[in-house]
Amino acid sequence: MSECFDAYDRNGRFMNETLYRGESPKQGLYHYVVEIYTVANNRLLITQRSSEKLLDPNLWEVTAGAVIKGENVKEAAIRELAEETGIHVEQSNLIELYRYVEEDEQVIIMSFGVVLESEPPIRLQAGETVDYKWVSLNKFESMISGDDFVKSIANRYHLYASSIKKLFL
């Protein structure tokens, strides 16, 4: 069974329609995706995408994933972080960073930050992530300039760097 998502207009208004993974949505319909910037000890957690992923295999990224049908963005952020890294947080730990509408892909990206007291053990999700690193802000900024990082995340980082940098002490 294909993953499904609630449909929204570009302003985030619920449209009472269902979208399915792999199918092109009707013009004007979007679904939400979340990104989570996780910081501990002034270092950012990044994960490497599995070679099994259709989009951007083997590239590094911050935690991210689609909001599934019936879920809100904060629930999705908490679920994705737990699934892909094993890190469990509460909604109150999420810091909203930005909202970005990706017209070409018809998605609305909600980005959150999480600041942890220390680096927890990481449990990677089979088929999703194959490696992880805790990196300094300088190392992250260096990595996103190269070919080993998901370009769309790098591009959004450049747009919203001032908000994201506030997660670092």
C-alpha atoms as a PDB file:
ATOM      1  CA  MET A   1       0.000   0.000   0.000  1.00  0.00           C
ATOM      2  CA  SER A   2       1.310   3.407  -0.975  1.00  0.00           C
ATOM      3  CA  GLU A   3       2.028   6.085   1.610  1.00  0.00           C
ATOM      4  CA  CYS A   4      -0.611   8.814   1.589  1.00  0.00           C
ATOM      5  CA  PHE A   5      -0.677  12.445   2.669  1.00  0.00           C
ATOM      6  CA  ASP A   6      -3.242  15.126   3.414  1.00  0.00           C
ATOM      7  CA  ALA A   7      -3.472  17.792   0.694  1.00  0.00           C
ATOM      8  CA  TYR A   8      -3.136  21.518   1.385  1.00  0.00           C
ATOM      9  CA  ASP A   9      -3.081  24.651  -0.698  1.00  0.00           C
ATOM     10  CA  ARG A  10       0.197  26.611  -0.887  1.00  0.00           C
ATOM     11  CA  ASN A  11      -0.873  28.670   2.147  1.00  0.00           C
ATOM     12  CA  GLY A  12      -1.307  25.548   4.281  1.00  0.00           C
ATOM     13  CA  ARG A  13      -5.097  25.413   4.177  1.00  0.00           C
ATOM     14  CA  PHE A  14      -6.406  21.824   4.437  1.00  0.00           C
ATOM     15  CA  MET A  15      -8.039  20.776   1.151  1.00  0.00           C
ATOM     16  CA  ASN A  16      -9.781  17.553   2.276  1.00  0.00           C
ATOM     17  CA  GLU A  17      -8.079  15.477  -0.439  1.00  0.00           C
ATOM     18  CA  THR A  18      -5.538  12.666  -0.290  1.00  0.00           C
ATOM     19  CA  LEU A  19      -2.222  12.547  -2.144  1.00  0.00           C
ATOM     20  CA  TYR A  20      -0.235   9.344  -2.746  1.00  0.00           C
ATOM     21  CA  ARG A  21       3.517   8.782  -2.863  1.00  0.00           C
ATOM     22  CA  GLY A  22       4.705   8.351  -6.435  1.00  0.00           C
ATOM     23  CA  GLU A  23       1.712  10.103  -7.995  1.00  0.00           C
ATOM     24  CA  SER A  24       1.872  13.665  -9.265  1.00  0.00           C
ATOM     25  CA  PRO A  25      -0.520  15.856  -7.283  1.00  0.00           C
ATOM     26  CA  LYS A  26      -3.109  17.977  -9.013  1.00  0.00           C
ATOM     27  CA  GLN A  27      -2.028  21.552  -9.652  1.00  0.00           C
ATOM     28  CA  GLY A  28      -2.426  23.648  -6.511  1.00  0.00           C
ATOM     29  CA  LEU A  29      -2.233  20.727  -4.064  1.00  0.00           C
ATOM     30  CA  TYR A  30       0.745  20.345  -1.724  1.00  0.00           C
ATOM     31  CA  HIS A  31       1.779  18.084   1.123  1.00  0.00           C
ATOM     32  CA  TYR A  32       3.971  18.813   4.126  1.00  0.00           C
ATOM     33  CA  VAL A  33       7.532  17.633   4.690  1.00  0.00           C
ATOM     34  CA  VAL A  34       9.478  18.240   7.909  1.00  0.00           C
ATOM     35  CA  GLU A  35      13.181  18.856   8.480  1.00  0.00           C
ATOM     36  CA  ILE A  36      14.786  18.689  11.898  1.00  0.00           C
ATOM     37  CA  TYR A  37      18.102  20.333  12.791  1.00  0.00           C
ATOM     38  CA  THR A  38      19.297  18.484  15.925  1.00  0.00           C
ATOM     39  CA  VAL A  39      22.060  20.183  17.922  1.00  0.00           C
ATOM     40  CA  ALA A  40      23.947  18.874  20.968  1.00  0.00           C
ATOM     41  CA  ASN A  41      27.225  20.125  22.429  1.00  0.00           C
ATOM     42  CA  ASN A  42      27.189  22.847  19.772  1.00  0.00           C
ATOM     43  CA  ARG A  43      27.325  20.206  17.026  1.00  0.00           C
ATOM     44  CA  LEU A  44      24.723  19.315  14.407  1.00  0.00           C
ATOM     45  CA  LEU A  45      23.529  15.777  13.713  1.00  0.00           C
ATOM     46  CA  ILE A  46      23.612  14.820  10.051  1.00  0.00           C
ATOM     47  CA  THR A  47      22.750  11.441   8.554  1.00  0.00           C
ATOM     48  CA  GLN A  48      23.711   9.735   5.337  1.00  0.00           C
ATOM     49  CA  ARG A  49      20.861   8.545   3.132  1.00  0.00           C
ATOM     50  CA  SER A  50      20.724   4.879   2.191  1.00  0.00           C
ATOM     51  CA  SER A  51      21.793   3.798  -1.290  1.00  0.00           C
ATOM     52  CA  GLU A  52      18.255   2.326  -1.548  1.00  0.00           C
ATOM     53  CA  LYS A  53      16.679   5.813  -1.587  1.00  0.00           C
ATOM     54  CA  LEU A  54      15.381   6.920  -4.986  1.00  0.00           C
ATOM     55  CA  LEU A  55      16.130  10.599  -4.363  1.00  0.00           C
ATOM     56  CA  ASP A  56      19.638  11.654  -3.376  1.00  0.00           C
ATOM     57  CA  PRO A  57      21.025   8.211  -2.422  1.00  0.00           C
ATOM     58  CA  ASN A  58      24.204   8.201  -0.293  1.00  0.00           C
ATOM     59  CA  LEU A  59      24.072  11.964   0.314  1.00  0.00           C
ATOM     60  CA  TRP A  60      24.187  13.603   3.745  1.00  0.00           C
ATOM     61  CA  GLU A  61      21.192  15.474   5.159  1.00  0.00           C
ATOM     62  CA  VAL A  62      19.503  16.684   8.311  1.00  0.00           C
ATOM     63  CA  THR A  63      16.640  14.489   9.512  1.00  0.00           C
ATOM     64  CA  ALA A  64      13.649  14.863   7.204  1.00  0.00           C
ATOM     65  CA  GLY A  65      10.506  13.138   6.027  1.00  0.00           C
ATOM     66  CA  ALA A  66       6.940  13.421   4.828  1.00  0.00           C
ATOM     67  CA  VAL A  67       3.986  14.214   7.058  1.00  0.00           C
ATOM     68  CA  ILE A  68       1.635  11.256   6.666  1.00  0.00           C
ATOM     69  CA  LYS A  69      -2.155  11.441   6.446  1.00  0.00           C
ATOM     70  CA  GLY A  70      -3.765  12.466   9.731  1.00  0.00           C
ATOM     71  CA  GLU A  71      -0.525  13.765  11.258  1.00  0.00           C
ATOM     72  CA  ASN A  72       0.397  17.356  12.064  1.00  0.00           C
ATOM     73  CA  VAL A  73       3.876  18.759  11.388  1.00  0.00           C
ATOM     74  CA  LYS A  74       5.073  18.516  14.988  1.00  0.00           C
ATOM     75  CA  GLU A  75       3.922  14.906  15.298  1.00  0.00           C
ATOM     76  CA  ALA A  76       5.732  14.131  12.036  1.00  0.00           C
ATOM     77  CA  ALA A  77       8.943  15.837  13.208  1.00  0.00           C
ATOM     78  CA  ILE A  78       8.928  13.807  16.429  1.00  0.00           C
ATOM     79  CA  ARG A  79       8.192  10.557  14.541  1.00  0.00           C
ATOM     80  CA  GLU A  80      10.836  11.142  11.853  1.00  0.00           C
ATOM     81  CA  LEU A  81      13.514  12.000  14.424  1.00  0.00           C
ATOM     82  CA  ALA A  82      12.709   8.854  16.432  1.00  0.00           C
ATOM     83  CA  GLU A  83      12.509   6.591  13.350  1.00  0.00           C
ATOM     84  CA  GLU A  84      15.681   7.790  11.636  1.00  0.00           C
ATOM     85  CA  THR A  85      17.903   8.395  14.680  1.00  0.00           C
ATOM     86  CA  GLY A  86      16.304   6.848  17.763  1.00  0.00           C
ATOM     87  CA  ILE A  87      16.113  10.283  19.433  1.00  0.00           C
ATOM     88  CA  HIS A  88      12.868  10.900  21.334  1.00  0.00           C
ATOM     89  CA  VAL A  89      11.727  14.461  22.049  1.00  0.00           C
ATOM     90  CA  GLU A  90       8.502  16.203  23.057  1.00  0.00           C
ATOM     91  CA  GLN A  91       6.619  18.800  20.997  1.00  0.00           C
ATOM     92  CA  SER A  92       7.767  21.424  23.503  1.00  0.00           C
ATOM     93  CA  ASN A  93      11.387  20.688  22.450  1.00  0.00           C
ATOM     94  CA  LEU A  94      10.704  21.696  18.834  1.00  0.00           C
ATOM     95  CA  ILE A  95      11.777  25.189  17.783  1.00  0.00           C
ATOM     96  CA  GLU A  96      10.116  26.373  14.574  1.00  0.00           C
ATOM     97  CA  LEU A  97      12.798  27.644  12.194  1.00  0.00           C
ATOM     98  CA  TYR A  98      11.046  28.346   8.911  1.00  0.00           C
ATOM     99  CA  ARG A  99       8.310  27.407   6.456  1.00  0.00           C
ATOM    100  CA  TYR A 100       9.255  27.061   2.792  1.00  0.00           C
ATOM    101  CA  VAL A 101       7.025  26.352  -0.209  1.00  0.00           C
ATOM    102  CA  GLU A 102       8.716  24.263  -2.904  1.00  0.00           C
ATOM    103  CA  GLU A 103       6.612  24.988  -5.974  1.00  0.00           C
ATOM    104  CA  ASP A 104       8.243  22.471  -8.337  1.00  0.00           C
ATOM    105  CA  GLU A 105       7.762  19.527  -5.962  1.00  0.00           C
ATOM    106  CA  GLN A 106       4.456  20.860  -4.567  1.00  0.00           C
ATOM    107  CA  VAL A 107       5.565  20.478  -0.951  1.00  0.00           C
ATOM    108  CA  ILE A 108       5.533  22.760   2.055  1.00  0.00           C
ATOM    109  CA  ILE A 109       8.621  22.285   4.187  1.00  0.00           C
ATOM    110  CA  MET A 110       8.384  22.978   7.901  1.00  0.00           C
ATOM    111  CA  SER A 111      11.779  23.139   9.529  1.00  0.00           C
ATOM    112  CA  PHE A 112      12.347  22.657  13.241  1.00  0.00           C
ATOM    113  CA  GLY A 113      15.330  22.743  15.546  1.00  0.00           C
ATOM    114  CA  VAL A 114      15.980  20.645  18.624  1.00  0.00           C
ATOM    115  CA  VAL A 115      18.710  21.463  21.134  1.00  0.00           C
ATOM    116  CA  LEU A 116      19.756  18.553  23.356  1.00  0.00           C
ATOM    117  CA  GLU A 117      21.886  18.655  26.500  1.00  0.00           C
ATOM    118  CA  SER A 118      24.218  15.940  25.217  1.00  0.00           C
ATOM    119  CA  GLU A 119      24.726  13.699  22.200  1.00  0.00           C
ATOM    120  CA  PRO A 120      22.477  10.664  22.673  1.00  0.00           C
ATOM    121  CA  PRO A 121      23.184   7.226  21.226  1.00  0.00           C
ATOM    122  CA  ILE A 122      21.992   7.041  17.620  1.00  0.00           C
ATOM    123  CA  ARG A 123      19.999   4.141  16.163  1.00  0.00           C
ATOM    124  CA  LEU A 124      19.855   4.317  12.374  1.00  0.00           C
ATOM    125  CA  GLN A 125      16.759   3.234  10.411  1.00  0.00           C
ATOM    126  CA  ALA A 126      17.395   0.408   7.941  1.00  0.00           C
ATOM    127  CA  GLY A 127      16.620   1.442   4.370  1.00  0.00           C
ATOM    128  CA  GLU A 128      16.669   5.147   5.307  1.00  0.00           C
ATOM    129  CA  THR A 129      19.985   6.047   6.937  1.00  0.00           C
ATOM    130  CA  VAL A 130      23.360   4.282   6.879  1.00  0.00           C
ATOM    131  CA  ASP A 131      25.670   6.597   8.837  1.00  0.00           C
ATOM    132  CA  TYR A 132      25.678   9.687  11.028  1.00  0.00           C
ATOM    133  CA  LYS A 133      28.021  12.423  12.230  1.00  0.00           C
ATOM    134  CA  TRP A 134      27.892  15.201  14.786  1.00  0.00           C
ATOM    135  CA  VAL A 135      29.568  18.168  13.059  1.00  0.00           C
ATOM    136  CA  SER A 136      30.440  21.733  13.970  1.00  0.00           C
ATOM    137  CA  LEU A 137      28.599  24.565  12.255  1.00  0.00           C
ATOM    138  CA  ASN A 138      31.765  25.336  10.259  1.00  0.00           C
ATOM    139  CA  LYS A 139      32.072  21.711   9.108  1.00  0.00           C
ATOM    140  CA  PHE A 140      28.365  21.651   8.164  1.00  0.00           C
ATOM    141  CA  GLU A 141      28.725  24.841   6.133  1.00  0.00           C
ATOM    142  CA  SER A 142      31.759  23.352   4.406  1.00  0.00           C
ATOM    143  CA  MET A 143      29.904  20.089   3.640  1.00  0.00           C
ATOM    144  CA  ILE A 144      26.855  21.776   2.116  1.00  0.00           C
ATOM    145  CA  SER A 145      29.136  23.503  -0.376  1.00  0.00           C
ATOM    146  CA  GLY A 146      30.273  20.130  -1.741  1.00  0.00           C
ATOM    147  CA  ASP A 147      28.664  17.338  -3.733  1.00  0.00           C
ATOM    148  CA  ASP A 148      28.007  15.016  -0.771  1.00  0.00           C
ATOM    149  CA  PHE A 149      25.045  16.911   0.709  1.00  0.00           C
ATOM    150  CA  VAL A 150      21.401  17.079  -0.427  1.00  0.00           C
ATOM    151  CA  LYS A 151      21.313  20.273  -2.537  1.00  0.00           C
ATOM    152  CA  SER A 152      17.753  21.317  -1.665  1.00  0.00           C
ATOM    153  CA  ILE A 153      18.593  21.316   2.065  1.00  0.00           C
ATOM    154  CA  ALA A 154      21.805  23.252   1.382  1.00  0.00           C
ATOM    155  CA  ASN A 155      19.885  25.817  -0.661  1.00  0.00           C
ATOM    156  CA  ARG A 156      17.300  26.335   2.107  1.00  0.00           C
ATOM    157  CA  TYR A 157      20.067  26.581   4.706  1.00  0.00           C
ATOM    158  CA  HIS A 158      21.530  29.528   2.801  1.00  0.00           C
ATOM    159  CA  LEU A 159      18.123  31.228   2.808  1.00  0.00           C
ATOM    160  CA  TYR A 160      17.476  30.671   6.522  1.00  0.00           C
ATOM    161  CA  ALA A 161      20.975  30.436   8.022  1.00  0.00           C
ATOM    162  CA  SER A 162      20.352  33.216  10.543  1.00  0.00           C
ATOM    163  CA  SER A 163      17.433  31.282  12.089  1.00  0.00           C
ATOM    164  CA  ILE A 164      19.311  27.981  12.113  1.00  0.00           C
ATOM    165  CA  LYS A 165      22.486  29.476  13.602  1.00  0.00           C
ATOM    166  CA  LYS A 166      20.486  30.501  16.691  1.00  0.00           C
ATOM    167  CA  LEU A 167      20.474  26.804  17.686  1.00  0.00           C
ATOM    168  CA  PHE A 168      24.217  27.029  18.300  1.00  0.00           C
ATOM    169  CA  LEU A 169      25.614  28.694  21.424  1.00  0.00           C
END
